[in-house]
N, C-alpha and C. Protein backbone atom coordinates (compact mmCIF):
# COMPACT_ATOMS: atom_id res chain seq x y z
N UNK A 1 -7.83 -4.38 13.93
CA UNK A 1 -8.82 -3.24 13.70
C UNK A 1 -9.61 -3.61 12.46
N UNK A 2 -10.91 -3.76 12.60
CA UNK A 2 -11.78 -4.00 11.41
C UNK A 2 -12.32 -2.66 10.99
N UNK A 3 -12.62 -2.54 9.69
CA UNK A 3 -13.30 -1.40 9.21
C UNK A 3 -14.29 -1.77 8.02
N UNK A 4 -15.25 -1.05 7.85
CA UNK A 4 -16.17 -1.25 6.73
C UNK A 4 -15.86 -0.28 5.62
N UNK A 5 -15.93 -0.73 4.36
CA UNK A 5 -15.65 0.11 3.20
C UNK A 5 -16.93 0.24 2.39
N UNK A 6 -17.24 1.48 2.07
CA UNK A 6 -18.39 1.77 1.22
C UNK A 6 -17.94 2.51 -0.03
N UNK A 7 -18.66 2.29 -1.16
CA UNK A 7 -18.41 3.07 -2.27
C UNK A 7 -19.54 4.03 -2.54
N UNK A 8 -19.23 5.16 -3.20
CA UNK A 8 -20.14 6.09 -3.55
C UNK A 8 -20.80 5.83 -4.88
N UNK A 9 -22.13 5.98 -4.91
CA UNK A 9 -22.80 5.78 -6.14
C UNK A 9 -22.84 7.02 -6.93
N UNK A 10 -22.55 8.15 -6.34
CA UNK A 10 -22.49 9.56 -6.99
C UNK A 10 -21.13 9.78 -7.60
N UNK A 11 -20.07 9.39 -6.86
CA UNK A 11 -18.69 9.85 -7.18
C UNK A 11 -17.88 8.59 -7.53
N UNK A 12 -17.53 8.42 -8.76
CA UNK A 12 -16.77 7.25 -9.19
C UNK A 12 -15.42 7.10 -8.53
N UNK A 13 -15.06 5.93 -8.08
CA UNK A 13 -13.82 5.62 -7.48
C UNK A 13 -13.61 6.37 -6.12
N UNK A 14 -14.68 6.59 -5.46
CA UNK A 14 -14.61 7.32 -4.11
C UNK A 14 -15.16 6.31 -3.08
N UNK A 15 -14.30 6.18 -2.05
CA UNK A 15 -14.72 5.15 -1.04
C UNK A 15 -14.59 5.77 0.41
N UNK A 16 -15.51 5.33 1.24
CA UNK A 16 -15.56 5.75 2.61
C UNK A 16 -15.27 4.56 3.53
N UNK A 17 -14.29 4.75 4.41
CA UNK A 17 -13.95 3.67 5.39
C UNK A 17 -14.43 4.20 6.72
N UNK A 18 -15.21 3.28 7.42
CA UNK A 18 -15.66 3.62 8.77
C UNK A 18 -15.26 2.52 9.77
N UNK A 19 -15.35 2.84 10.98
CA UNK A 19 -14.92 1.82 12.05
C UNK A 19 -15.88 0.64 12.14
N UNK A 20 -17.18 0.97 12.13
CA UNK A 20 -18.15 -0.18 12.25
C UNK A 20 -19.26 -0.05 11.18
N UNK A 21 -19.56 -1.25 10.62
CA UNK A 21 -20.58 -1.41 9.57
C UNK A 21 -21.88 -0.62 9.94
N UNK A 22 -22.24 0.28 8.94
CA UNK A 22 -23.50 1.03 9.02
C UNK A 22 -23.51 2.07 10.18
N UNK A 23 -22.41 2.49 10.69
CA UNK A 23 -22.30 3.44 11.77
C UNK A 23 -21.69 4.69 11.25
N UNK A 24 -22.54 5.59 10.68
CA UNK A 24 -22.08 6.78 10.05
C UNK A 24 -22.19 8.03 10.98
N UNK A 25 -22.27 7.75 12.27
CA UNK A 25 -22.46 8.87 13.23
C UNK A 25 -21.31 9.91 13.24
N UNK A 26 -20.06 9.46 13.01
CA UNK A 26 -18.89 10.37 13.02
C UNK A 26 -18.64 11.02 11.62
N UNK A 27 -19.34 10.60 10.61
CA UNK A 27 -19.19 11.19 9.29
C UNK A 27 -20.03 12.44 9.19
N UNK A 28 -19.41 13.57 8.81
CA UNK A 28 -20.14 14.84 8.67
C UNK A 28 -21.37 14.70 7.68
N UNK A 29 -22.43 15.35 8.01
CA UNK A 29 -23.67 15.30 7.15
C UNK A 29 -23.33 15.76 5.74
N UNK A 30 -22.56 16.83 5.69
CA UNK A 30 -22.19 17.44 4.32
C UNK A 30 -21.51 16.47 3.51
N UNK A 31 -20.60 15.71 4.11
CA UNK A 31 -19.81 14.68 3.30
C UNK A 31 -20.81 13.57 2.85
N UNK A 32 -21.73 13.12 3.78
CA UNK A 32 -22.65 12.09 3.37
C UNK A 32 -23.55 12.51 2.28
N UNK A 33 -23.95 13.83 2.33
CA UNK A 33 -24.80 14.36 1.25
C UNK A 33 -24.13 14.39 -0.10
N UNK A 34 -22.87 14.71 -0.13
CA UNK A 34 -22.10 14.73 -1.36
C UNK A 34 -21.69 13.29 -1.85
N UNK A 35 -21.48 12.42 -0.83
CA UNK A 35 -21.13 11.05 -1.12
C UNK A 35 -22.23 10.26 -1.73
N UNK A 36 -23.44 10.56 -1.26
CA UNK A 36 -24.63 9.83 -1.69
C UNK A 36 -24.89 8.61 -0.84
N UNK A 37 -25.84 7.82 -1.28
CA UNK A 37 -26.15 6.55 -0.47
C UNK A 37 -24.93 5.59 -0.54
N UNK A 38 -24.31 5.38 0.58
CA UNK A 38 -23.18 4.45 0.65
C UNK A 38 -23.59 2.98 0.38
N UNK A 39 -22.78 2.34 -0.43
CA UNK A 39 -23.00 0.92 -0.71
C UNK A 39 -21.80 0.12 -0.24
N UNK A 40 -22.14 -0.81 0.64
CA UNK A 40 -21.12 -1.61 1.29
C UNK A 40 -20.35 -2.47 0.30
N UNK A 41 -18.99 -2.40 0.31
CA UNK A 41 -18.17 -3.07 -0.53
C UNK A 41 -17.59 -4.36 0.18
N UNK A 42 -17.00 -4.04 1.30
CA UNK A 42 -16.32 -5.14 2.01
C UNK A 42 -16.03 -4.70 3.50
N UNK A 43 -15.67 -5.71 4.24
CA UNK A 43 -15.16 -5.50 5.60
C UNK A 43 -13.73 -5.95 5.60
N UNK A 44 -12.82 -5.06 6.22
CA UNK A 44 -11.33 -5.31 6.17
C UNK A 44 -10.86 -5.42 7.50
N UNK A 45 -9.94 -6.44 7.80
CA UNK A 45 -9.15 -6.53 9.00
C UNK A 45 -7.87 -5.87 8.69
N UNK A 46 -7.77 -4.64 9.23
CA UNK A 46 -6.54 -3.81 8.87
C UNK A 46 -5.22 -4.41 9.61
N UNK A 47 -5.37 -5.20 10.63
CA UNK A 47 -4.22 -5.73 11.32
C UNK A 47 -3.58 -6.77 10.49
N UNK A 48 -4.34 -7.40 9.54
CA UNK A 48 -3.72 -8.44 8.72
C UNK A 48 -3.21 -7.92 7.39
N UNK A 49 -3.29 -6.63 7.27
CA UNK A 49 -2.80 -6.03 5.98
C UNK A 49 -1.53 -5.32 6.10
N UNK A 50 -0.69 -5.36 5.16
CA UNK A 50 0.64 -4.64 5.14
C UNK A 50 0.50 -3.39 4.21
N UNK A 51 -0.52 -3.52 3.29
CA UNK A 51 -0.71 -2.39 2.37
C UNK A 51 -2.07 -2.49 1.73
N UNK A 52 -2.50 -1.38 1.19
CA UNK A 52 -3.78 -1.32 0.44
C UNK A 52 -3.40 -0.72 -0.92
N UNK A 53 -4.23 -1.03 -1.89
CA UNK A 53 -3.92 -0.59 -3.34
C UNK A 53 -3.68 0.87 -3.55
N UNK A 54 -4.69 1.72 -3.24
CA UNK A 54 -4.55 3.13 -3.53
C UNK A 54 -4.56 3.97 -2.19
N UNK A 55 -4.40 3.41 -1.10
CA UNK A 55 -4.45 4.14 0.16
C UNK A 55 -3.34 3.82 1.09
N UNK A 56 -2.84 4.87 1.75
CA UNK A 56 -1.75 4.74 2.71
C UNK A 56 -2.27 4.08 3.92
N UNK A 57 -1.88 2.88 4.26
CA UNK A 57 -2.42 2.17 5.40
C UNK A 57 -2.26 2.88 6.70
N UNK A 58 -1.19 3.43 6.93
CA UNK A 58 -0.91 4.18 8.11
C UNK A 58 -1.81 5.40 8.35
N UNK A 59 -1.97 6.16 7.22
CA UNK A 59 -2.91 7.30 7.25
C UNK A 59 -4.28 6.94 7.41
N UNK A 60 -4.70 5.80 6.83
CA UNK A 60 -6.04 5.34 7.00
C UNK A 60 -6.36 4.94 8.47
N UNK A 61 -5.44 4.23 9.12
CA UNK A 61 -5.57 3.82 10.54
C UNK A 61 -5.63 5.03 11.39
N UNK A 62 -4.69 5.99 11.17
CA UNK A 62 -4.65 7.31 11.93
C UNK A 62 -6.02 8.04 11.84
N UNK A 63 -6.58 8.16 10.64
CA UNK A 63 -7.79 8.91 10.48
C UNK A 63 -8.95 8.17 11.05
N UNK A 64 -8.99 6.84 11.03
CA UNK A 64 -10.05 6.12 11.64
C UNK A 64 -10.01 6.26 13.20
N UNK A 65 -8.81 6.35 13.70
CA UNK A 65 -8.69 6.56 15.16
C UNK A 65 -9.07 8.01 15.55
N UNK A 66 -8.62 8.95 14.76
CA UNK A 66 -8.74 10.37 15.08
C UNK A 66 -10.21 10.90 14.80
N UNK A 67 -10.60 10.57 13.57
CA UNK A 67 -11.92 11.13 13.08
C UNK A 67 -13.03 10.16 13.07
N UNK A 68 -12.75 8.86 12.96
CA UNK A 68 -13.75 7.87 12.88
C UNK A 68 -14.16 7.45 11.47
N UNK A 69 -13.49 8.07 10.46
CA UNK A 69 -13.72 7.72 9.07
C UNK A 69 -12.51 8.13 8.23
N UNK A 70 -12.48 7.57 7.01
CA UNK A 70 -11.47 8.01 6.07
C UNK A 70 -12.10 7.98 4.77
N UNK A 71 -11.87 9.15 4.00
CA UNK A 71 -12.40 9.22 2.57
C UNK A 71 -11.23 9.04 1.59
N UNK A 72 -11.46 8.07 0.69
CA UNK A 72 -10.49 7.84 -0.36
C UNK A 72 -10.99 8.33 -1.60
N UNK A 73 -10.35 9.37 -2.16
CA UNK A 73 -10.71 9.98 -3.42
C UNK A 73 -9.95 9.28 -4.61
N UNK A 74 -10.55 9.48 -5.79
CA UNK A 74 -9.89 8.85 -6.89
C UNK A 74 -8.58 9.59 -7.21
N UNK A 75 -7.64 8.80 -7.82
CA UNK A 75 -6.38 9.53 -8.17
C UNK A 75 -6.63 10.50 -9.27
N UNK A 76 -5.78 11.57 -9.26
CA UNK A 76 -6.00 12.65 -10.23
C UNK A 76 -5.88 12.11 -11.66
N UNK A 77 -6.75 12.76 -12.49
CA UNK A 77 -6.72 12.32 -13.91
C UNK A 77 -5.50 12.72 -14.62
N UNK A 78 -5.01 11.88 -15.50
CA UNK A 78 -3.72 12.25 -16.21
C UNK A 78 -4.08 13.37 -17.18
N UNK A 79 -3.16 14.38 -17.19
CA UNK A 79 -3.33 15.49 -18.12
C UNK A 79 -2.19 15.36 -19.20
N UNK A 80 -2.46 14.57 -20.14
CA UNK A 80 -1.45 14.23 -21.22
C UNK A 80 -1.00 15.49 -22.02
N UNK A 81 -1.94 16.42 -22.20
CA UNK A 81 -1.56 17.69 -22.97
C UNK A 81 -0.59 18.39 -22.11
N UNK A 82 -0.77 18.58 -20.78
CA UNK A 82 0.27 19.30 -20.03
C UNK A 82 1.60 18.60 -20.03
N UNK A 83 1.60 17.27 -19.90
CA UNK A 83 2.79 16.47 -19.96
C UNK A 83 3.54 16.69 -21.22
N UNK A 84 2.76 16.65 -22.31
CA UNK A 84 3.36 16.83 -23.64
C UNK A 84 4.01 18.21 -23.76
N UNK A 85 3.26 19.25 -23.30
CA UNK A 85 3.80 20.66 -23.34
C UNK A 85 5.05 20.74 -22.50
N UNK A 86 5.06 20.11 -21.35
CA UNK A 86 6.29 20.17 -20.54
C UNK A 86 7.42 19.44 -21.11
N UNK A 87 7.11 18.35 -21.76
CA UNK A 87 8.16 17.60 -22.49
C UNK A 87 8.74 18.41 -23.66
N UNK A 88 7.95 19.06 -24.44
CA UNK A 88 8.34 19.94 -25.52
C UNK A 88 9.25 21.11 -25.04
N UNK A 89 8.83 21.65 -23.88
CA UNK A 89 9.55 22.79 -23.33
C UNK A 89 10.94 22.42 -22.88
N UNK A 90 11.07 21.24 -22.33
CA UNK A 90 12.37 20.76 -21.88
C UNK A 90 13.27 20.44 -23.02
N UNK A 91 12.71 20.10 -24.19
CA UNK A 91 13.57 19.68 -25.31
C UNK A 91 14.03 20.89 -26.12
N UNK A 92 13.29 22.01 -25.91
CA UNK A 92 13.70 23.20 -26.70
C UNK A 92 14.87 23.97 -26.10
């Protein structure tokens, strides 16, 4: 299974995976409006992959089959203050 990967120029570390290059027919208009103009990053043969860096490969394949696209959002930002407060609370 091949897929095309696009990055968002509006949203940092946000990627859109679609089944075919430049075929955004299955991607909702509202998502494309928020995503901005997609910039092609790469084409990936998912059958030759056993994993991807920040994406669950099985979930990616399932969503491509079911919806025709997959949106990869950036990982949540670290909240060091909350971690510190939780650490202090456990020590008291």
